Structure formats: C-alpha cells, structure tokens
Amino acid sequence: MTRKPGMRTRLWQCAAAWLLGLAAVGPAFAANRAADPNLARQGKAEFDHHCESCHGAGPGHPGTQALRVKYQDSKPGVLEERTDLSPALVQRAIRPGIDGMPSFSKSEISDAQMAAIVAYLTHLGKS
C-alpha cells in the first residue's frame, strides 16, 4: 500500500522549496540593493549619524584606530576609504558586532537603516 503525502509532508516540502529559492535569489537581491545609488545616498546620512563618531577619518575615532592596528595599514582604517567591504561583512559588524565592535539591535539601527549603510559602504569606489 502506497501512502500519500500528508499535509505536514507537503508543508515541509513547500518550506524547503521556499528556502532554496530564497538562498538562490538573496545574493542577487542584496547586490542590486548595494548598487542602488539612491539607497547609497541615504546610507551616507545613516553612516554619518550612527557610525561616523567611531569610524570617521582623522584622530579621535576609536573604530578607525582599531582597524588601522588590526590591518597594520595593509587596508585603510577609515571604512569610507575601503572598497573591499561585502554586504555580509557590514551586516555582521552591525548586528552581532565583531572584533570588539558592539552589536546594534533593530531598535537602535533598523533593518532599513542597516540596508542603507550596507549599500553606502559597498557602493563606494564602484560608481
């Protein structure tokens, strides 16, 4: 006797197909958002508001100083001078925080604000 797939099995199949589709489309979607010049302009304002105090140019910016030490000047410490930042790296730095940088919750930097900052930092040097 052949058993027909039940509702639970079909739900799992649909969920798996949806996740596979999302995994395939997600990077392309992120790349398109990063290349959006309007979003990048908005990201400049968000960067200035949320990030510049630690990651700006010049003395007195602890994030910039820490990156200069970390990379020993093989890469710029000033994030706005970097052309190698990926969307995934910027997102990881903002949300959970990395290498001593504090994390920022969605109530501190919303997903839309983070997307704009990501677009700005990953658009630099590519226009």
C-alpha atoms as a PDB file:
ATOM      1  CA  MET A   1       0.000   0.000   0.000  1.00  0.00           C
ATOM      2  CA  THR A   2       1.422   3.377  -1.051  1.00  0.00           C
ATOM      3  CA  ARG A   3       0.951   6.173   1.414  1.00  0.00           C
ATOM      4  CA  LYS A   4       0.044   9.582   0.063  1.00  0.00           C
ATOM      5  CA  PRO A   5       1.994  12.548   1.411  1.00  0.00           C
ATOM      6  CA  GLY A   6       0.139  14.196   4.250  1.00  0.00           C
ATOM      7  CA  MET A   7      -0.342  17.872   4.926  1.00  0.00           C
ATOM      8  CA  ARG A   8       2.727  18.002   7.191  1.00  0.00           C
ATOM      9  CA  THR A   9       4.946  16.490   4.489  1.00  0.00           C
ATOM     10  CA  ARG A  10       3.651  18.946   1.901  1.00  0.00           C
ATOM     11  CA  LEU A  11       4.263  21.868   4.277  1.00  0.00           C
ATOM     12  CA  TRP A  12       7.876  20.758   4.788  1.00  0.00           C
ATOM     13  CA  GLN A  13       8.336  20.372   1.031  1.00  0.00           C
ATOM     14  CA  CYS A  14       6.956  23.866   0.410  1.00  0.00           C
ATOM     15  CA  ALA A  15       9.107  25.351   3.154  1.00  0.00           C
ATOM     16  CA  ALA A  16      12.229  23.647   1.786  1.00  0.00           C
ATOM     17  CA  ALA A  17      11.485  24.871  -1.756  1.00  0.00           C
ATOM     18  CA  TRP A  18      10.889  28.410  -0.476  1.00  0.00           C
ATOM     19  CA  LEU A  19      14.181  28.425   1.461  1.00  0.00           C
ATOM     20  CA  LEU A  20      16.108  27.098  -1.541  1.00  0.00           C
ATOM     21  CA  GLY A  21      14.566  29.798  -3.714  1.00  0.00           C
ATOM     22  CA  LEU A  22      15.414  32.456  -1.149  1.00  0.00           C
ATOM     23  CA  ALA A  23      19.001  31.230  -0.941  1.00  0.00           C
ATOM     24  CA  ALA A  24      19.306  31.463  -4.724  1.00  0.00           C
ATOM     25  CA  VAL A  25      17.712  34.908  -5.039  1.00  0.00           C
ATOM     26  CA  GLY A  26      19.020  36.527  -1.825  1.00  0.00           C
ATOM     27  CA  PRO A  27      22.569  37.345  -3.023  1.00  0.00           C
ATOM     28  CA  ALA A  28      21.276  38.853  -6.267  1.00  0.00           C
ATOM     29  CA  PHE A  29      18.754  40.943  -4.318  1.00  0.00           C
ATOM     30  CA  ALA A  30      21.484  42.132  -1.954  1.00  0.00           C
ATOM     31  CA  ALA A  31      23.756  43.007  -4.885  1.00  0.00           C
ATOM     32  CA  ASN A  32      21.005  45.051  -6.537  1.00  0.00           C
ATOM     33  CA  ARG A  33      20.323  46.948  -3.306  1.00  0.00           C
ATOM     34  CA  ALA A  34      24.039  47.622  -2.831  1.00  0.00           C
ATOM     35  CA  ALA A  35      24.228  49.080  -6.347  1.00  0.00           C
ATOM     36  CA  ASP A  36      21.212  51.381  -5.818  1.00  0.00           C
ATOM     37  CA  PRO A  37      22.664  54.931  -5.774  1.00  0.00           C
ATOM     38  CA  ASN A  38      19.601  56.369  -4.002  1.00  0.00           C
ATOM     39  CA  LEU A  39      19.909  53.838  -1.193  1.00  0.00           C
ATOM     40  CA  ALA A  40      23.641  54.537  -1.024  1.00  0.00           C
ATOM     41  CA  ARG A  41      22.946  58.286  -0.633  1.00  0.00           C
ATOM     42  CA  GLN A  42      20.547  57.537   2.196  1.00  0.00           C
ATOM     43  CA  GLY A  43      23.229  55.259   3.640  1.00  0.00           C
ATOM     44  CA  LYS A  44      25.700  58.155   3.770  1.00  0.00           C
ATOM     45  CA  ALA A  45      23.302  60.049   6.063  1.00  0.00           C
ATOM     46  CA  GLU A  46      22.770  56.924   8.202  1.00  0.00           C
ATOM     47  CA  PHE A  47      26.526  56.294   8.360  1.00  0.00           C
ATOM     48  CA  ASP A  48      27.144  59.889   9.437  1.00  0.00           C
ATOM     49  CA  HIS A  49      24.505  59.574  12.155  1.00  0.00           C
ATOM     50  CA  HIS A  50      25.280  56.081  13.503  1.00  0.00           C
ATOM     51  CA  CYS A  51      28.861  55.198  12.537  1.00  0.00           C
ATOM     52  CA  GLU A  52      30.999  58.275  11.854  1.00  0.00           C
ATOM     53  CA  SER A  53      31.781  59.016  15.506  1.00  0.00           C
ATOM     54  CA  CYS A  54      33.758  55.752  15.749  1.00  0.00           C
ATOM     55  CA  HIS A  55      34.622  55.078  12.094  1.00  0.00           C
ATOM     56  CA  GLY A  56      35.258  58.538  10.658  1.00  0.00           C
ATOM     57  CA  ALA A  57      38.523  59.931   9.300  1.00  0.00           C
ATOM     58  CA  GLY A  58      41.049  61.671  11.490  1.00  0.00           C
ATOM     59  CA  PRO A  59      42.084  61.309  15.118  1.00  0.00           C
ATOM     60  CA  GLY A  60      39.601  60.537  17.865  1.00  0.00           C
ATOM     61  CA  HIS A  61      37.731  57.741  16.070  1.00  0.00           C
ATOM     62  CA  PRO A  62      38.301  54.512  18.029  1.00  0.00           C
ATOM     63  CA  GLY A  63      36.907  52.185  15.348  1.00  0.00           C
ATOM     64  CA  THR A  64      39.197  53.667  12.727  1.00  0.00           C
ATOM     65  CA  GLN A  65      42.199  53.421  15.053  1.00  0.00           C
ATOM     66  CA  ALA A  66      41.380  49.779  15.892  1.00  0.00           C
ATOM     67  CA  LEU A  67      41.124  48.862  12.200  1.00  0.00           C
ATOM     68  CA  ARG A  68      44.443  50.586  11.450  1.00  0.00           C
ATOM     69  CA  VAL A  69      46.095  48.472  14.145  1.00  0.00           C
ATOM     70  CA  LYS A  70      44.322  45.293  13.019  1.00  0.00           C
ATOM     71  CA  TYR A  71      45.302  45.680   9.372  1.00  0.00           C
ATOM     72  CA  GLN A  72      48.660  47.379  10.051  1.00  0.00           C
ATOM     73  CA  ASP A  73      47.884  49.806   7.227  1.00  0.00           C
ATOM     74  CA  SER A  74      47.516  46.994   4.656  1.00  0.00           C
ATOM     75  CA  LYS A  75      43.889  48.222   4.366  1.00  0.00           C
ATOM     76  CA  PRO A  76      42.523  51.646   5.241  1.00  0.00           C
ATOM     77  CA  GLY A  77      41.200  52.033   8.762  1.00  0.00           C
ATOM     78  CA  VAL A  78      38.587  54.504   7.528  1.00  0.00           C
ATOM     79  CA  LEU A  79      35.585  52.472   6.356  1.00  0.00           C
ATOM     80  CA  GLU A  80      34.649  55.062   3.735  1.00  0.00           C
ATOM     81  CA  GLU A  81      38.048  54.514   2.091  1.00  0.00           C
ATOM     82  CA  ARG A  82      37.563  50.747   1.788  1.00  0.00           C
ATOM     83  CA  THR A  83      36.469  49.170  -1.492  1.00  0.00           C
ATOM     84  CA  ASP A  84      36.597  45.552  -0.301  1.00  0.00           C
ATOM     85  CA  LEU A  85      33.650  45.512   2.112  1.00  0.00           C
ATOM     86  CA  SER A  86      30.973  42.920   1.375  1.00  0.00           C
ATOM     87  CA  PRO A  87      27.329  43.295   2.389  1.00  0.00           C
ATOM     88  CA  ALA A  88      27.621  40.218   4.634  1.00  0.00           C
ATOM     89  CA  LEU A  89      30.620  41.647   6.487  1.00  0.00           C
ATOM     90  CA  VAL A  90      28.954  45.009   7.096  1.00  0.00           C
ATOM     91  CA  GLN A  91      25.771  43.309   8.305  1.00  0.00           C
ATOM     92  CA  ARG A  92      27.732  41.043  10.689  1.00  0.00           C
ATOM     93  CA  ALA A  93      29.595  44.041  12.054  1.00  0.00           C
ATOM     94  CA  ILE A  94      26.365  45.960  12.728  1.00  0.00           C
ATOM     95  CA  ARG A  95      24.024  43.276  14.094  1.00  0.00           C
ATOM     96  CA  PRO A  96      26.025  40.893  16.270  1.00  0.00           C
ATOM     97  CA  GLY A  97      29.160  43.041  16.346  1.00  0.00           C
ATOM     98  CA  ILE A  98      32.647  41.724  15.523  1.00  0.00           C
ATOM     99  CA  ASP A  99      36.207  42.232  16.751  1.00  0.00           C
ATOM    100  CA  GLY A 100      35.276  44.329  19.770  1.00  0.00           C
ATOM    101  CA  MET A 101      32.622  46.378  17.994  1.00  0.00           C
ATOM    102  CA  PRO A 102      29.367  46.431  19.944  1.00  0.00           C
ATOM    103  CA  SER A 103      26.218  44.973  18.444  1.00  0.00           C
ATOM    104  CA  PHE A 104      23.314  47.173  17.403  1.00  0.00           C
ATOM    105  CA  SER A 105      19.750  45.931  17.857  1.00  0.00           C
ATOM    106  CA  LYS A 106      16.945  46.573  15.388  1.00  0.00           C
ATOM    107  CA  SER A 107      15.616  49.247  17.731  1.00  0.00           C
ATOM    108  CA  GLU A 108      18.959  51.088  17.504  1.00  0.00           C
ATOM    109  CA  ILE A 109      19.556  50.612  13.758  1.00  0.00           C
ATOM    110  CA  SER A 110      16.533  49.314  11.849  1.00  0.00           C
ATOM    111  CA  ASP A 111      16.829  46.787   9.028  1.00  0.00           C
ATOM    112  CA  ALA A 112      16.098  49.601   6.536  1.00  0.00           C
ATOM    113  CA  GLN A 113      18.805  51.807   8.042  1.00  0.00           C
ATOM    114  CA  MET A 114      21.241  48.887   8.021  1.00  0.00           C
ATOM    115  CA  ALA A 115      20.431  48.162   4.359  1.00  0.00           C
ATOM    116  CA  ALA A 116      21.179  51.797   3.525  1.00  0.00           C
ATOM    117  CA  ILE A 117      24.510  51.717   5.408  1.00  0.00           C
ATOM    118  CA  VAL A 118      25.407  48.451   3.670  1.00  0.00           C
ATOM    119  CA  ALA A 119      24.551  49.966   0.292  1.00  0.00           C
ATOM    120  CA  TYR A 120      26.656  53.047   1.035  1.00  0.00           C
ATOM    121  CA  LEU A 121      29.748  51.190   2.237  1.00  0.00           C
ATOM    122  CA  THR A 122      29.629  48.568  -0.515  1.00  0.00           C
ATOM    123  CA  HIS A 123      28.867  51.138  -3.244  1.00  0.00           C
ATOM    124  CA  LEU A 124      31.965  53.256  -2.516  1.00  0.00           C
ATOM    125  CA  GLY A 125      34.590  53.085  -5.215  1.00  0.00           C
ATOM    126  CA  LYS A 126      32.215  51.212  -7.520  1.00  0.00           C
ATOM    127  CA  SER A 127      30.346  54.109  -9.108  1.00  0.00           C
END
